[in-house]
């Protein structure tokens, strides 16, 4: 079974921390994605945060959107989902 953002968001333990983010916040680099989130980009973000996700840690989102899990705080990135055409 492959986890998708939709499946993760349906699980109550993750529902408060996983969220769709604007594609403009995601920048591909040679070794992975850089994500810069500002307030309003994700429900947990209260100030600008920068995250790095190596390509081998990216999970297919199952839709055309990027999603990120932030738990227990906005400084802690736990999972990152990307559309299939972005992986």
C-alpha atoms as a PDB file:
ATOM      1  CA  UNK A   1       0.000   0.000   0.000  1.00  0.00           C
ATOM      2  CA  UNK A   2       1.281   3.466  -0.884  1.00  0.00           C
ATOM      3  CA  UNK A   3       0.452   6.313   1.490  1.00  0.00           C
ATOM      4  CA  UNK A   4      -1.094   9.372  -0.100  1.00  0.00           C
ATOM      5  CA  UNK A   5      -1.762  12.822   1.322  1.00  0.00           C
ATOM      6  CA  UNK A   6      -5.495  12.169   1.157  1.00  0.00           C
ATOM      7  CA  UNK A   7      -5.124   8.966   3.187  1.00  0.00           C
ATOM      8  CA  UNK A   8      -2.901  10.643   5.765  1.00  0.00           C
ATOM      9  CA  UNK A   9      -5.276  13.595   6.131  1.00  0.00           C
ATOM     10  CA  UNK A  10      -8.114  11.146   6.861  1.00  0.00           C
ATOM     11  CA  UNK A  11      -6.264   9.783   9.882  1.00  0.00           C
ATOM     12  CA  UNK A  12      -7.157  11.865  12.928  1.00  0.00           C
ATOM     13  CA  UNK A  13      -3.637  11.660  14.379  1.00  0.00           C
ATOM     14  CA  UNK A  14      -2.305  13.530  11.362  1.00  0.00           C
ATOM     15  CA  UNK A  15      -5.306  15.657  10.424  1.00  0.00           C
ATOM     16  CA  UNK A  16      -4.175  18.586  12.551  1.00  0.00           C
ATOM     17  CA  UNK A  17      -0.632  18.616  11.160  1.00  0.00           C
ATOM     18  CA  UNK A  18      -0.894  17.663   7.451  1.00  0.00           C
ATOM     19  CA  UNK A  19      -1.982  20.303   5.019  1.00  0.00           C
ATOM     20  CA  UNK A  20      -2.011  21.318   1.388  1.00  0.00           C
ATOM     21  CA  UNK A  21       0.504  24.046   0.609  1.00  0.00           C
ATOM     22  CA  UNK A  22       0.800  26.400  -2.375  1.00  0.00           C
ATOM     23  CA  UNK A  23       3.082  25.099  -5.136  1.00  0.00           C
ATOM     24  CA  UNK A  24       4.841  28.474  -5.231  1.00  0.00           C
ATOM     25  CA  UNK A  25       6.320  27.657  -1.789  1.00  0.00           C
ATOM     26  CA  UNK A  26       8.137  24.599  -3.188  1.00  0.00           C
ATOM     27  CA  UNK A  27      11.432  24.910  -5.076  1.00  0.00           C
ATOM     28  CA  UNK A  28      13.157  21.874  -6.605  1.00  0.00           C
ATOM     29  CA  UNK A  29      16.940  21.718  -6.118  1.00  0.00           C
ATOM     30  CA  UNK A  30      19.405  19.115  -7.372  1.00  0.00           C
ATOM     31  CA  UNK A  31      19.209  17.112  -4.123  1.00  0.00           C
ATOM     32  CA  UNK A  32      15.623  17.738  -2.990  1.00  0.00           C
ATOM     33  CA  UNK A  33      12.920  20.304  -2.368  1.00  0.00           C
ATOM     34  CA  UNK A  34      13.257  23.554  -0.445  1.00  0.00           C
ATOM     35  CA  UNK A  35       9.950  24.664   1.045  1.00  0.00           C
ATOM     36  CA  UNK A  36       9.496  28.156   2.460  1.00  0.00           C
ATOM     37  CA  UNK A  37       6.236  28.618   4.325  1.00  0.00           C
ATOM     38  CA  UNK A  38       4.791  31.841   5.672  1.00  0.00           C
ATOM     39  CA  UNK A  39       1.690  32.439   7.789  1.00  0.00           C
ATOM     40  CA  UNK A  40      -1.356  31.512   5.719  1.00  0.00           C
ATOM     41  CA  UNK A  41       0.460  28.809   3.708  1.00  0.00           C
ATOM     42  CA  UNK A  42      -0.298  26.076   6.301  1.00  0.00           C
ATOM     43  CA  UNK A  43      -2.599  26.038   9.320  1.00  0.00           C
ATOM     44  CA  UNK A  44       0.278  25.601  11.811  1.00  0.00           C
ATOM     45  CA  UNK A  45       2.645  28.245  10.424  1.00  0.00           C
ATOM     46  CA  UNK A  46       2.911  31.446  12.495  1.00  0.00           C
ATOM     47  CA  UNK A  47       6.221  32.757  11.113  1.00  0.00           C
ATOM     48  CA  UNK A  48       8.419  32.054   8.092  1.00  0.00           C
ATOM     49  CA  UNK A  49       9.956  28.571   8.125  1.00  0.00           C
ATOM     50  CA  UNK A  50      12.336  26.863   5.702  1.00  0.00           C
ATOM     51  CA  UNK A  51      12.382  23.097   5.217  1.00  0.00           C
ATOM     52  CA  UNK A  52      14.509  20.781   3.092  1.00  0.00           C
ATOM     53  CA  UNK A  53      13.184  17.412   1.894  1.00  0.00           C
ATOM     54  CA  UNK A  54      15.498  15.025   0.000  1.00  0.00           C
ATOM     55  CA  UNK A  55      13.900  13.444  -3.059  1.00  0.00           C
ATOM     56  CA  UNK A  56      14.110   9.962  -1.546  1.00  0.00           C
ATOM     57  CA  UNK A  57      11.818  11.085   1.313  1.00  0.00           C
ATOM     58  CA  UNK A  58       9.034  12.433  -0.914  1.00  0.00           C
ATOM     59  CA  UNK A  59       5.703  10.568  -0.932  1.00  0.00           C
ATOM     60  CA  UNK A  60       3.330  10.729  -3.942  1.00  0.00           C
ATOM     61  CA  UNK A  61       0.388  12.969  -3.048  1.00  0.00           C
ATOM     62  CA  UNK A  62      -2.257  11.176  -5.093  1.00  0.00           C
ATOM     63  CA  UNK A  63      -3.547  14.539  -6.320  1.00  0.00           C
ATOM     64  CA  UNK A  64      -2.107  17.596  -8.061  1.00  0.00           C
ATOM     65  CA  UNK A  65      -1.044  19.297  -4.830  1.00  0.00           C
ATOM     66  CA  UNK A  66       1.862  19.502  -2.427  1.00  0.00           C
ATOM     67  CA  UNK A  67       1.194  18.629   1.232  1.00  0.00           C
ATOM     68  CA  UNK A  68       3.402  18.830   4.309  1.00  0.00           C
ATOM     69  CA  UNK A  69       3.062  17.391   7.821  1.00  0.00           C
ATOM     70  CA  UNK A  70       4.220  19.626  10.650  1.00  0.00           C
ATOM     71  CA  UNK A  71       4.173  17.956  14.068  1.00  0.00           C
ATOM     72  CA  UNK A  72       4.447  18.578  16.966  1.00  0.00           C
ATOM     73  CA  UNK A  73       5.386  22.165  16.077  1.00  0.00           C
ATOM     74  CA  UNK A  74       5.756  24.150  12.878  1.00  0.00           C
ATOM     75  CA  UNK A  75       9.526  23.671  13.084  1.00  0.00           C
ATOM     76  CA  UNK A  76       9.162  19.885  12.748  1.00  0.00           C
ATOM     77  CA  UNK A  77       8.551  18.601   9.218  1.00  0.00           C
ATOM     78  CA  UNK A  78       7.504  14.924   9.365  1.00  0.00           C
ATOM     79  CA  UNK A  79       6.315  14.119   5.861  1.00  0.00           C
ATOM     80  CA  UNK A  80       6.102  15.741   2.459  1.00  0.00           C
ATOM     81  CA  UNK A  81       3.851  14.816  -0.450  1.00  0.00           C
ATOM     82  CA  UNK A  82       4.299  15.881  -4.056  1.00  0.00           C
ATOM     83  CA  UNK A  83       2.275  15.375  -7.239  1.00  0.00           C
ATOM     84  CA  UNK A  84       3.485  12.495  -9.399  1.00  0.00           C
ATOM     85  CA  UNK A  85       4.633  14.845 -12.170  1.00  0.00           C
ATOM     86  CA  UNK A  86       6.866  16.698  -9.667  1.00  0.00           C
ATOM     87  CA  UNK A  87       8.679  13.596  -8.372  1.00  0.00           C
END
